Amino acid sequence: MAIPPASRYDRCPCTGHYERRAVEVRMTVEGTPVLLEGVEQSRCPLCGSRVYRAVVLEAIEDVMRARGLPEAHA
């Protein structure tokens, strides 16, 4: 999954500093398991909070749509 590199994440509300890492994201799309590797995520080492940049979430949504999951409507 090609995701543009991020410069850095901000501080966590608990006052910790988010640390960037690559993770696996497992999801099921229309009954089919999908594994995305190398997904950029940041995690706070103090409280364990995990965050994704908007561009990463958009890339994950693109994968879901390409696999046939209809777009959510608000």
N, C-alpha and C. Protein backbone atom coordinates (compact mmCIF):
# COMPACT_ATOMS: atom_id res chain seq x y z
N MET A 1 0.85 -1.16 0.00
CA MET A 1 0.00 0.00 0.00
C MET A 1 0.90 1.23 0.00
N ALA A 2 0.87 2.02 -1.04
CA ALA A 2 1.73 3.19 -1.14
C ALA A 2 1.09 4.38 -0.45
N ILE A 3 1.72 4.84 0.60
CA ILE A 3 1.22 5.97 1.36
C ILE A 3 2.34 7.00 1.46
N PRO A 4 2.04 8.26 1.14
CA PRO A 4 3.08 9.29 1.22
C PRO A 4 3.65 9.37 2.63
N PRO A 5 4.95 9.53 2.76
CA PRO A 5 5.54 9.63 4.10
C PRO A 5 5.09 10.90 4.80
N ALA A 6 4.91 10.81 6.08
CA ALA A 6 4.49 11.97 6.86
C ALA A 6 5.72 12.59 7.52
N SER A 7 5.66 13.86 7.76
CA SER A 7 6.79 14.53 8.37
C SER A 7 6.89 14.20 9.85
N ARG A 8 5.82 14.42 10.61
CA ARG A 8 5.80 14.06 12.03
C ARG A 8 4.39 14.20 12.56
N TYR A 9 4.15 13.60 13.69
CA TYR A 9 2.86 13.72 14.37
C TYR A 9 3.01 14.69 15.54
N ASP A 10 1.91 15.20 16.00
CA ASP A 10 1.93 16.12 17.12
C ASP A 10 2.02 15.36 18.43
N ARG A 11 1.92 16.12 19.48
CA ARG A 11 1.96 15.52 20.81
C ARG A 11 0.61 14.91 21.16
N CYS A 12 0.65 13.89 21.96
CA CYS A 12 -0.56 13.24 22.47
C CYS A 12 -1.17 14.13 23.57
N PRO A 13 -2.49 14.10 23.75
CA PRO A 13 -3.11 14.88 24.82
C PRO A 13 -2.57 14.53 26.21
N CYS A 14 -2.00 13.33 26.38
CA CYS A 14 -1.46 12.94 27.69
C CYS A 14 -0.08 13.55 27.93
N THR A 15 0.44 14.30 26.97
CA THR A 15 1.74 14.98 26.96
C THR A 15 2.87 14.12 26.38
N GLY A 16 2.57 12.91 25.99
CA GLY A 16 3.58 12.08 25.35
C GLY A 16 3.81 12.51 23.91
N HIS A 17 4.84 12.00 23.30
CA HIS A 17 5.14 12.28 21.89
C HIS A 17 4.84 11.03 21.08
N TYR A 18 4.00 11.18 20.04
CA TYR A 18 3.68 10.05 19.18
C TYR A 18 4.93 9.55 18.47
N GLU A 19 5.06 8.25 18.37
CA GLU A 19 6.16 7.62 17.65
C GLU A 19 5.60 6.93 16.42
N ARG A 20 6.21 7.22 15.27
CA ARG A 20 5.76 6.64 14.00
C ARG A 20 6.22 5.19 13.88
N ARG A 21 5.35 4.37 13.28
CA ARG A 21 5.70 2.97 13.03
C ARG A 21 4.83 2.44 11.90
N ALA A 22 5.23 1.32 11.35
CA ALA A 22 4.44 0.65 10.31
C ALA A 22 3.74 -0.53 10.95
N VAL A 23 2.44 -0.69 10.66
CA VAL A 23 1.65 -1.77 11.25
C VAL A 23 0.89 -2.51 10.16
N GLU A 24 0.33 -3.65 10.54
CA GLU A 24 -0.58 -4.39 9.67
C GLU A 24 -2.00 -4.02 10.06
N VAL A 25 -2.85 -3.81 9.06
CA VAL A 25 -4.27 -3.53 9.31
C VAL A 25 -5.05 -4.69 8.71
N ARG A 26 -5.80 -5.38 9.55
CA ARG A 26 -6.64 -6.49 9.11
C ARG A 26 -8.09 -6.03 9.13
N MET A 27 -8.79 -6.31 8.02
CA MET A 27 -10.20 -5.96 7.94
C MET A 27 -10.90 -6.98 7.05
N THR A 28 -12.21 -6.98 7.09
CA THR A 28 -13.01 -7.86 6.24
C THR A 28 -13.86 -6.98 5.34
N VAL A 29 -13.76 -7.22 4.04
CA VAL A 29 -14.52 -6.47 3.05
C VAL A 29 -15.39 -7.45 2.29
N GLU A 30 -16.70 -7.30 2.40
CA GLU A 30 -17.67 -8.20 1.78
C GLU A 30 -17.35 -9.67 2.07
N GLY A 31 -17.03 -9.95 3.33
CA GLY A 31 -16.78 -11.31 3.77
C GLY A 31 -15.38 -11.83 3.45
N THR A 32 -14.55 -11.03 2.80
CA THR A 32 -13.20 -11.45 2.44
C THR A 32 -12.18 -10.77 3.34
N PRO A 33 -11.33 -11.55 4.02
CA PRO A 33 -10.28 -10.94 4.84
C PRO A 33 -9.27 -10.20 3.96
N VAL A 34 -8.89 -9.01 4.40
CA VAL A 34 -7.91 -8.18 3.69
C VAL A 34 -6.84 -7.79 4.69
N LEU A 35 -5.58 -7.92 4.28
CA LEU A 35 -4.44 -7.55 5.11
C LEU A 35 -3.66 -6.46 4.40
N LEU A 36 -3.51 -5.32 5.06
CA LEU A 36 -2.69 -4.23 4.54
C LEU A 36 -1.43 -4.18 5.38
N GLU A 37 -0.28 -4.24 4.73
CA GLU A 37 1.00 -4.21 5.45
C GLU A 37 1.68 -2.87 5.25
N GLY A 38 2.47 -2.47 6.23
CA GLY A 38 3.24 -1.24 6.11
C GLY A 38 2.41 0.02 6.22
N VAL A 39 1.30 -0.06 6.94
CA VAL A 39 0.43 1.11 7.11
C VAL A 39 1.01 2.00 8.21
N GLU A 40 1.16 3.28 7.91
CA GLU A 40 1.76 4.20 8.86
C GLU A 40 0.77 4.54 9.98
N GLN A 41 1.26 4.39 11.20
CA GLN A 41 0.46 4.67 12.39
C GLN A 41 1.40 5.32 13.39
N SER A 42 0.86 6.13 14.27
CA SER A 42 1.66 6.65 15.38
C SER A 42 1.02 6.21 16.67
N ARG A 43 1.89 5.93 17.64
CA ARG A 43 1.45 5.44 18.94
C ARG A 43 2.15 6.21 20.04
N CYS A 44 1.41 6.57 21.06
CA CYS A 44 1.98 7.24 22.22
C CYS A 44 2.53 6.18 23.17
N PRO A 45 3.82 6.25 23.49
CA PRO A 45 4.39 5.25 24.40
C PRO A 45 3.92 5.40 25.85
N LEU A 46 3.35 6.56 26.19
CA LEU A 46 2.89 6.77 27.57
C LEU A 46 1.51 6.18 27.83
N CYS A 47 0.56 6.45 26.93
CA CYS A 47 -0.82 6.01 27.17
C CYS A 47 -1.31 4.94 26.18
N GLY A 48 -0.55 4.71 25.10
CA GLY A 48 -0.95 3.70 24.13
C GLY A 48 -1.90 4.18 23.06
N SER A 49 -2.25 5.45 23.06
CA SER A 49 -3.14 6.00 22.04
C SER A 49 -2.54 5.80 20.66
N ARG A 50 -3.39 5.42 19.68
CA ARG A 50 -2.92 5.21 18.31
C ARG A 50 -3.68 6.15 17.39
N VAL A 51 -2.96 6.74 16.43
CA VAL A 51 -3.57 7.67 15.49
C VAL A 51 -3.06 7.40 14.08
N TYR A 52 -3.92 7.75 13.10
CA TYR A 52 -3.57 7.66 11.69
C TYR A 52 -3.77 9.04 11.08
N ARG A 53 -2.93 9.41 10.15
CA ARG A 53 -3.11 10.67 9.42
C ARG A 53 -4.29 10.49 8.46
N ALA A 54 -4.92 11.61 8.11
CA ALA A 54 -6.08 11.57 7.21
C ALA A 54 -5.72 10.92 5.88
N VAL A 55 -4.54 11.20 5.34
CA VAL A 55 -4.14 10.62 4.06
C VAL A 55 -4.06 9.10 4.15
N VAL A 56 -3.68 8.58 5.31
CA VAL A 56 -3.61 7.13 5.51
C VAL A 56 -5.02 6.55 5.54
N LEU A 57 -5.92 7.18 6.28
CA LEU A 57 -7.30 6.70 6.34
C LEU A 57 -7.96 6.75 4.96
N GLU A 58 -7.67 7.79 4.19
CA GLU A 58 -8.21 7.88 2.84
C GLU A 58 -7.68 6.75 1.95
N ALA A 59 -6.41 6.40 2.12
CA ALA A 59 -5.84 5.30 1.34
C ALA A 59 -6.49 3.97 1.72
N ILE A 60 -6.77 3.78 3.01
CA ILE A 60 -7.45 2.56 3.46
C ILE A 60 -8.86 2.51 2.88
N GLU A 61 -9.56 3.64 2.88
CA GLU A 61 -10.90 3.69 2.29
C GLU A 61 -10.85 3.38 0.79
N ASP A 62 -9.82 3.86 0.11
CA ASP A 62 -9.67 3.55 -1.32
C ASP A 62 -9.54 2.06 -1.55
N VAL A 63 -8.77 1.38 -0.69
CA VAL A 63 -8.62 -0.07 -0.81
C VAL A 63 -9.96 -0.75 -0.59
N MET A 64 -10.71 -0.28 0.41
CA MET A 64 -12.01 -0.88 0.70
C MET A 64 -12.96 -0.71 -0.49
N ARG A 65 -12.97 0.49 -1.08
CA ARG A 65 -13.84 0.72 -2.24
C ARG A 65 -13.42 -0.15 -3.43
N ALA A 66 -12.13 -0.29 -3.63
CA ALA A 66 -11.63 -1.10 -4.75
C ALA A 66 -12.00 -2.57 -4.56
N ARG A 67 -12.19 -2.99 -3.31
CA ARG A 67 -12.58 -4.37 -3.02
C ARG A 67 -14.08 -4.56 -3.02
N GLY A 68 -14.83 -3.47 -3.27
CA GLY A 68 -16.27 -3.61 -3.41
C GLY A 68 -17.12 -3.13 -2.28
N LEU A 69 -16.53 -2.52 -1.26
CA LEU A 69 -17.32 -2.02 -0.15
C LEU A 69 -17.91 -0.68 -0.55
N PRO A 70 -19.23 -0.52 -0.48
CA PRO A 70 -19.83 0.76 -0.88
C PRO A 70 -19.40 1.89 0.04
N GLU A 71 -19.34 3.08 -0.52
CA GLU A 71 -18.94 4.26 0.25
C GLU A 71 -20.02 4.59 1.27
N ALA A 72 -19.59 4.97 2.47
CA ALA A 72 -20.53 5.33 3.54
C ALA A 72 -21.13 6.69 3.23
N HIS A 73 -22.41 6.83 3.55
CA HIS A 73 -23.09 8.10 3.35
C HIS A 73 -23.49 8.66 4.71
N ALA A 74 -23.24 9.94 4.90
CA ALA A 74 -23.55 10.58 6.19
C ALA A 74 -25.01 10.97 6.28
